[in-house]
N, C-alpha and C. Protein backbone atom coordinates (compact mmCIF):
# COMPACT_ATOMS: atom_id res chain seq x y z
N ASP A 1 83.99 88.66 106.35
CA ASP A 1 82.80 88.87 104.89
C ASP A 1 84.14 89.89 103.74
N THR A 2 84.72 88.96 102.75
CA THR A 2 85.81 89.90 102.80
C THR A 2 84.70 90.80 100.96
N ASN A 3 85.47 92.36 101.11
CA ASN A 3 85.43 93.43 100.24
C ASN A 3 86.30 93.13 98.53
N TYR A 4 85.77 91.89 98.35
CA TYR A 4 87.11 91.96 96.85
C TYR A 4 86.93 93.04 96.48
N MET A 5 85.78 93.82 95.65
CA MET A 5 85.73 94.76 94.73
C MET A 5 85.63 96.12 95.69
N GLY A 6 85.71 96.27 96.43
CA GLY A 6 86.10 97.40 97.60
C GLY A 6 88.10 97.81 97.65
N LYS A 7 88.56 96.43 97.38
CA LYS A 7 89.72 96.34 97.14
C LYS A 7 90.09 96.24 95.74
N ALA A 8 89.60 96.07 95.19
CA ALA A 8 90.57 96.39 93.91
C ALA A 8 90.29 97.50 93.42
N LYS A 9 89.04 97.94 93.74
CA LYS A 9 88.79 99.65 93.17
C LYS A 9 89.75 100.81 93.84
N LYS A 10 89.74 100.38 95.05
CA LYS A 10 90.69 101.44 95.94
C LYS A 10 92.42 100.66 95.42
N ALA A 11 92.96 99.70 94.53
CA ALA A 11 94.33 99.59 94.12
C ALA A 11 94.46 100.02 93.06
N LEU A 12 93.31 100.47 92.24
CA LEU A 12 93.03 100.73 91.02
C LEU A 12 93.48 102.54 91.14
N LYS A 13 92.55 102.88 91.89
CA LYS A 13 92.76 104.65 92.50
C LYS A 13 93.91 104.94 92.91
N PHE A 14 94.91 103.68 93.54
CA PHE A 14 95.93 103.98 94.66
C PHE A 14 96.75 104.02 92.69
N LEU A 15 96.80 102.88 92.77
CA LEU A 15 97.91 103.63 90.88
C LEU A 15 97.71 104.44 90.23
N GLU A 16 96.52 105.23 90.04
CA GLU A 16 96.69 106.61 89.57
C GLU A 16 97.64 107.63 89.74
N GLU A 17 97.91 107.45 91.20
CA GLU A 17 99.00 108.61 91.86
C GLU A 17 100.64 107.41 92.16
N ASN A 18 100.97 106.20 92.41
CA ASN A 18 101.59 105.61 92.85
C ASN A 18 101.81 104.53 91.80
N ASP A 19 103.10 103.76 91.66
CA ASP A 19 104.13 102.69 90.61
C ASP A 19 103.50 101.30 91.78
N PHE A 20 103.12 101.34 93.42
CA PHE A 20 103.41 100.20 93.85
C PHE A 20 102.44 99.53 94.73
N VAL A 21 101.12 98.67 95.13
CA VAL A 21 99.94 98.12 95.94
C VAL A 21 99.74 96.99 95.68
N PHE A 22 100.13 96.96 97.46
CA PHE A 22 100.07 95.29 97.20
C PHE A 22 98.41 94.95 98.69
N ILE A 23 98.08 94.02 97.26
CA ILE A 23 96.96 94.09 97.94
C ILE A 23 96.87 92.26 99.12
N HIS A 24 96.50 92.75 100.68
CA HIS A 24 96.35 91.35 101.52
C HIS A 24 94.25 91.14 100.95
N VAL A 25 94.30 89.90 101.17
CA VAL A 25 92.72 88.52 101.05
C VAL A 25 93.26 87.81 102.02
N GLU A 26 93.23 87.79 103.47
CA GLU A 26 93.23 86.14 103.84
C GLU A 26 92.22 85.67 104.26
N SER A 27 90.94 85.75 102.99
CA SER A 27 89.96 84.85 103.37
C SER A 27 90.08 83.49 102.84
N ILE A 28 90.64 82.98 101.50
CA ILE A 28 91.73 82.10 100.68
C ILE A 28 91.76 81.02 101.98
N ASP A 29 93.15 81.95 102.64
CA ASP A 29 94.27 81.21 104.08
C ASP A 29 92.51 80.82 105.08
N GLU A 30 92.24 81.66 105.63
CA GLU A 30 90.87 80.87 106.41
C GLU A 30 90.21 79.58 106.68
N MET A 31 89.83 79.83 105.21
CA MET A 31 89.21 78.53 105.33
C MET A 31 90.13 77.54 104.61
N GLY A 32 91.39 77.34 104.47
CA GLY A 32 92.49 76.56 104.82
C GLY A 32 92.66 75.72 106.35
N HIS A 33 92.87 76.91 106.82
CA HIS A 33 92.27 76.87 108.09
C HIS A 33 91.45 75.75 109.10
N GLU A 34 90.21 76.27 108.48
CA GLU A 34 89.13 76.20 108.95
C GLU A 34 88.22 73.88 108.24
N GLY A 35 89.70 73.96 107.19
CA GLY A 35 89.39 72.96 106.45
C GLY A 35 87.95 73.53 105.91
N ASN A 36 88.10 73.64 106.09
CA ASN A 36 85.95 74.71 105.02
C ASN A 36 86.57 73.90 103.67
N VAL A 37 86.51 72.66 102.13
CA VAL A 37 86.98 73.13 101.07
C VAL A 37 85.86 74.15 100.57
N GLU A 38 84.15 73.88 100.31
CA GLU A 38 83.39 74.86 99.69
C GLU A 38 83.52 75.90 99.52
N GLY A 39 84.08 76.71 101.16
CA GLY A 39 84.73 78.20 101.20
C GLY A 39 86.08 78.51 100.34
N LYS A 40 86.83 77.79 101.23
CA LYS A 40 88.18 78.08 99.90
C LYS A 40 88.07 78.06 98.43
N ILE A 41 86.96 77.11 97.59
CA ILE A 41 86.95 77.55 96.49
C ILE A 41 86.25 78.55 95.96
N LYS A 42 84.70 78.82 97.15
CA LYS A 42 84.39 80.56 97.00
C LYS A 42 85.41 80.96 96.82
N ALA A 43 86.46 81.88 98.02
CA ALA A 43 87.13 82.46 98.13
C ALA A 43 87.74 82.72 96.80
N LEU A 44 88.46 81.45 96.58
CA LEU A 44 89.33 81.94 95.36
C LEU A 44 89.14 81.77 94.08
N GLU A 45 86.97 81.40 93.77
CA GLU A 45 86.79 82.21 92.45
C GLU A 45 86.71 84.38 92.91
N ASP A 46 85.48 84.03 94.17
CA ASP A 46 85.56 84.84 94.31
C ASP A 46 86.81 86.58 93.68
N PHE A 47 87.56 85.73 94.74
CA PHE A 47 89.53 86.49 95.29
C PHE A 47 89.82 86.66 93.47
N ASP A 48 89.83 85.81 92.16
CA ASP A 48 90.38 85.61 90.72
C ASP A 48 89.48 86.91 90.06
N ASN A 49 87.94 86.43 90.41
CA ASN A 49 86.62 87.02 89.70
C ASN A 49 86.73 88.74 89.55
N MET A 50 86.79 88.70 90.60
CA MET A 50 86.38 90.55 91.36
C MET A 50 87.88 91.30 91.63
N VAL A 51 88.49 90.31 92.46
CA VAL A 51 89.52 91.60 92.13
C VAL A 51 90.81 91.53 91.05
N VAL A 52 91.32 89.93 90.76
CA VAL A 52 91.61 89.87 89.47
C VAL A 52 91.92 89.97 88.64
N GLY A 53 90.23 89.70 88.41
CA GLY A 53 89.90 90.21 86.89
C GLY A 53 89.13 91.41 87.20
N THR A 54 88.24 92.04 88.54
CA THR A 54 88.68 94.00 88.22
C THR A 54 89.68 94.81 87.68
N ILE A 55 90.43 94.09 87.98
CA ILE A 55 92.34 94.99 88.30
C ILE A 55 92.82 94.44 86.78
N LEU A 56 92.79 93.06 86.02
CA LEU A 56 93.17 92.75 85.05
C LEU A 56 92.48 93.60 83.72
N ASP A 57 91.45 93.35 84.29
CA ASP A 57 90.28 94.41 83.22
C ASP A 57 90.32 96.18 83.06
N ASN A 58 91.47 96.98 83.78
CA ASN A 58 91.06 98.28 83.73
C ASN A 58 93.22 98.59 84.08
N ILE A 59 93.21 97.72 85.03
CA ILE A 59 94.89 98.56 84.91
C ILE A 59 95.71 98.93 83.66
N GLY A 60 95.41 98.59 82.64
CA GLY A 60 96.08 98.80 80.73
C GLY A 60 95.22 99.90 80.98
N LYS A 61 94.83 100.78 81.89
CA LYS A 61 94.43 102.49 81.31
C LYS A 61 95.37 102.91 81.96
N LEU A 62 95.71 102.42 82.79
CA LEU A 62 97.07 103.21 83.56
C LEU A 62 98.55 103.80 83.60
N GLY A 63 98.91 102.74 81.79
CA GLY A 63 99.86 102.10 81.05
C GLY A 63 99.80 100.84 80.61
N GLU A 64 101.24 101.22 81.24
CA GLU A 64 102.52 99.78 81.53
C GLU A 64 102.15 99.01 82.69
N PHE A 65 102.45 98.12 83.46
CA PHE A 65 102.74 97.55 84.32
C PHE A 65 102.82 95.90 84.45
N ARG A 66 103.13 95.63 85.88
CA ARG A 66 102.78 94.00 86.05
C ARG A 66 102.26 93.89 87.19
N VAL A 67 102.05 92.87 87.12
CA VAL A 67 101.03 91.72 88.26
C VAL A 67 101.59 90.46 89.48
N LEU A 68 101.99 90.45 90.13
CA LEU A 68 101.93 89.37 90.78
C LEU A 68 101.19 88.91 92.15
N VAL A 69 100.64 87.51 92.05
CA VAL A 69 99.36 87.38 92.22
C VAL A 69 100.07 85.93 93.14
N LEU A 70 99.99 85.67 94.25
CA LEU A 70 100.70 85.29 95.13
C LEU A 70 100.08 85.47 96.52
N GLY A 71 100.26 83.53 96.59
CA GLY A 71 99.96 83.12 98.85
C GLY A 71 100.99 83.68 99.73
N ASP A 72 101.01 83.70 100.47
CA ASP A 72 101.87 84.13 101.67
C ASP A 72 102.63 82.43 101.89
N HIS A 73 101.81 82.11 101.84
CA HIS A 73 102.06 80.24 102.06
C HIS A 73 100.86 79.30 101.49
N PRO A 74 100.63 78.38 101.10
CA PRO A 74 99.64 77.52 101.03
C PRO A 74 98.52 76.67 102.31
N THR A 75 97.47 76.73 103.13
CA THR A 75 97.19 76.26 103.77
C THR A 75 95.62 74.97 103.09
N PRO A 76 96.87 73.54 102.88
CA PRO A 76 96.23 72.56 102.54
C PRO A 76 94.50 72.06 103.65
N VAL A 77 93.70 72.06 103.18
CA VAL A 77 92.14 72.35 103.43
C VAL A 77 92.38 70.86 104.57
N SER A 78 93.61 69.88 103.76
CA SER A 78 93.50 68.74 103.89
C SER A 78 94.38 68.85 105.67
N LEU A 79 95.10 69.34 105.87
CA LEU A 79 96.29 69.86 106.84
C LEU A 79 95.86 70.77 107.52
N LYS A 80 94.89 71.91 107.72
CA LYS A 80 94.21 72.65 108.32
C LYS A 80 95.72 74.23 108.80
N THR A 81 97.27 73.63 108.02
CA THR A 81 98.12 74.72 109.09
C THR A 81 98.81 74.23 107.60
N PHE A 82 99.42 75.57 107.27
CA PHE A 82 101.02 75.27 106.43
C PHE A 82 102.51 75.63 106.96
N GLY A 83 102.99 75.23 107.18
CA GLY A 83 104.94 76.27 108.18
C GLY A 83 106.49 76.30 106.65
N GLU A 84 106.73 76.79 107.09
CA GLU A 84 108.18 76.63 106.25
C GLU A 84 108.69 75.34 106.43
N THR A 85 108.51 74.77 106.65
CA THR A 85 109.07 73.14 106.67
C THR A 85 108.94 72.96 105.52
N ASN A 86 107.09 73.30 104.99
CA ASN A 86 106.00 72.35 104.25
C ASN A 86 106.58 73.62 103.07
N ALA A 87 106.70 74.61 102.91
CA ALA A 87 107.33 75.33 102.01
C ALA A 87 108.51 75.17 101.02
N GLY A 88 108.84 74.58 102.92
CA GLY A 88 110.72 74.44 102.10
C GLY A 88 110.60 73.50 101.11
N GLU A 89 109.77 72.83 101.18
CA GLU A 89 109.49 70.93 100.31
C GLU A 89 109.17 71.66 98.96
N SER A 90 108.52 72.61 98.74
CA SER A 90 107.55 73.08 97.38
C SER A 90 108.28 72.53 96.76
N GLY A 91 109.57 73.34 96.87
CA GLY A 91 110.53 73.84 95.40
C GLY A 91 110.82 74.99 95.38
N ILE A 92 109.87 76.09 95.74
CA ILE A 92 109.47 77.28 94.27
C ILE A 92 110.00 77.88 96.50
N MET A 93 110.29 78.16 97.37
CA MET A 93 110.45 78.57 98.68
C MET A 93 111.44 79.98 98.29
N ILE A 94 111.00 81.19 98.10
CA ILE A 94 112.13 82.54 98.28
C ILE A 94 112.18 82.70 99.08
N SER A 95 113.64 81.82 99.59
CA SER A 95 114.09 82.69 101.47
C SER A 95 115.25 83.42 101.13
N PRO A 96 116.48 84.16 101.55
CA PRO A 96 114.92 85.22 102.88
C PRO A 96 113.98 86.11 101.69
N GLY A 97 112.72 86.10 102.18
CA GLY A 97 111.60 86.26 101.16
C GLY A 97 111.86 87.81 100.79
N HIS A 98 112.78 89.04 101.62
CA HIS A 98 113.19 89.80 101.10
C HIS A 98 113.37 90.40 99.74
N ARG A 99 113.92 88.67 98.97
CA ARG A 99 114.72 88.99 97.52
C ARG A 99 113.24 88.34 96.59
N LEU A 100 112.02 88.17 96.56
CA LEU A 100 111.11 88.29 95.71
C LEU A 100 110.74 89.51 95.16
N MET A 101 111.18 90.49 95.44
CA MET A 101 111.07 91.89 94.94
C MET A 101 111.92 91.84 93.70
N ASN A 102 113.35 91.46 94.08
CA ASN A 102 113.99 91.54 92.98
C ASN A 102 113.58 90.73 92.29
N HIS A 103 113.48 89.64 92.57
CA HIS A 103 112.81 88.34 91.58
C HIS A 103 111.94 88.97 90.59
N PHE A 104 111.48 90.23 90.69
CA PHE A 104 109.78 90.10 90.59
C PHE A 104 110.25 91.25 89.60
N ILE A 105 110.60 92.54 89.93
CA ILE A 105 111.24 93.86 89.36
C ILE A 105 112.27 93.45 88.35
N VAL A 106 113.63 92.63 88.74
CA VAL A 106 114.97 92.69 88.00
C VAL A 106 114.67 91.61 87.36
N ASP A 107 114.68 89.89 87.89
CA ASP A 107 115.14 89.27 86.79
C ASP A 107 114.00 87.94 86.66
N TRP A 108 112.35 89.21 86.81
CA TRP A 108 111.46 87.84 86.94
C TRP A 108 111.77 86.93 85.71
N LYS A 109 112.43 87.41 84.09
CA LYS A 109 111.93 86.22 83.20
C LYS A 109 112.93 85.03 83.96
N LYS A 110 114.73 85.19 83.95
CA LYS A 110 115.20 84.68 84.37
C LYS A 110 114.40 83.47 85.58
N PHE A 111 114.32 84.10 87.02
CA PHE A 111 113.05 83.48 87.88
C PHE A 111 112.38 81.97 87.51
N ILE A 112 111.55 82.94 86.77
CA ILE A 112 110.34 81.54 86.00
C ILE A 112 111.04 80.30 85.45
N GLU A 113 112.25 80.81 84.64
CA GLU A 113 113.00 80.04 83.51
C GLU A 113 113.71 78.44 84.67
N GLU A 114 114.25 79.54 86.15
CA GLU A 114 114.62 78.30 86.84
C GLU A 114 113.77 77.87 87.27
N LYS A 115 112.60 78.04 88.29
CA LYS A 115 111.66 77.20 88.38
C LYS A 115 111.44 76.43 87.92
N ARG A 116 110.90 76.68 86.35
CA ARG A 116 110.19 76.00 85.54
C ARG A 116 110.99 74.39 85.44
N ASN A 117 112.67 75.07 84.93
CA ASN A 117 113.53 73.70 84.72
C ASN A 117 113.71 71.84 86.48
């Protein structure tokens, strides 16, 4: 059982004194590995409502912000797994992975435009 609200509230509290927070949620990935469609949908809905929703509803009180929401990799329910080969075939893989933060912080508008085209 994932404490989604606890993660969101702790992240907001942390951001009162810090500039960056990372939230890890495993439940969505695990439902994919189990091949559990209903569980994955519920995990996504709970994450969206309780983590993303709570943060977006409250983060503006802390000043200027950016929010990046992503999975470390997709886990299709039908496959029950996903690897680097699949990620490379997606067309949006960022490799090496450490370049992601530069795209997000420095040149995010250019990155989004490149991925859309």
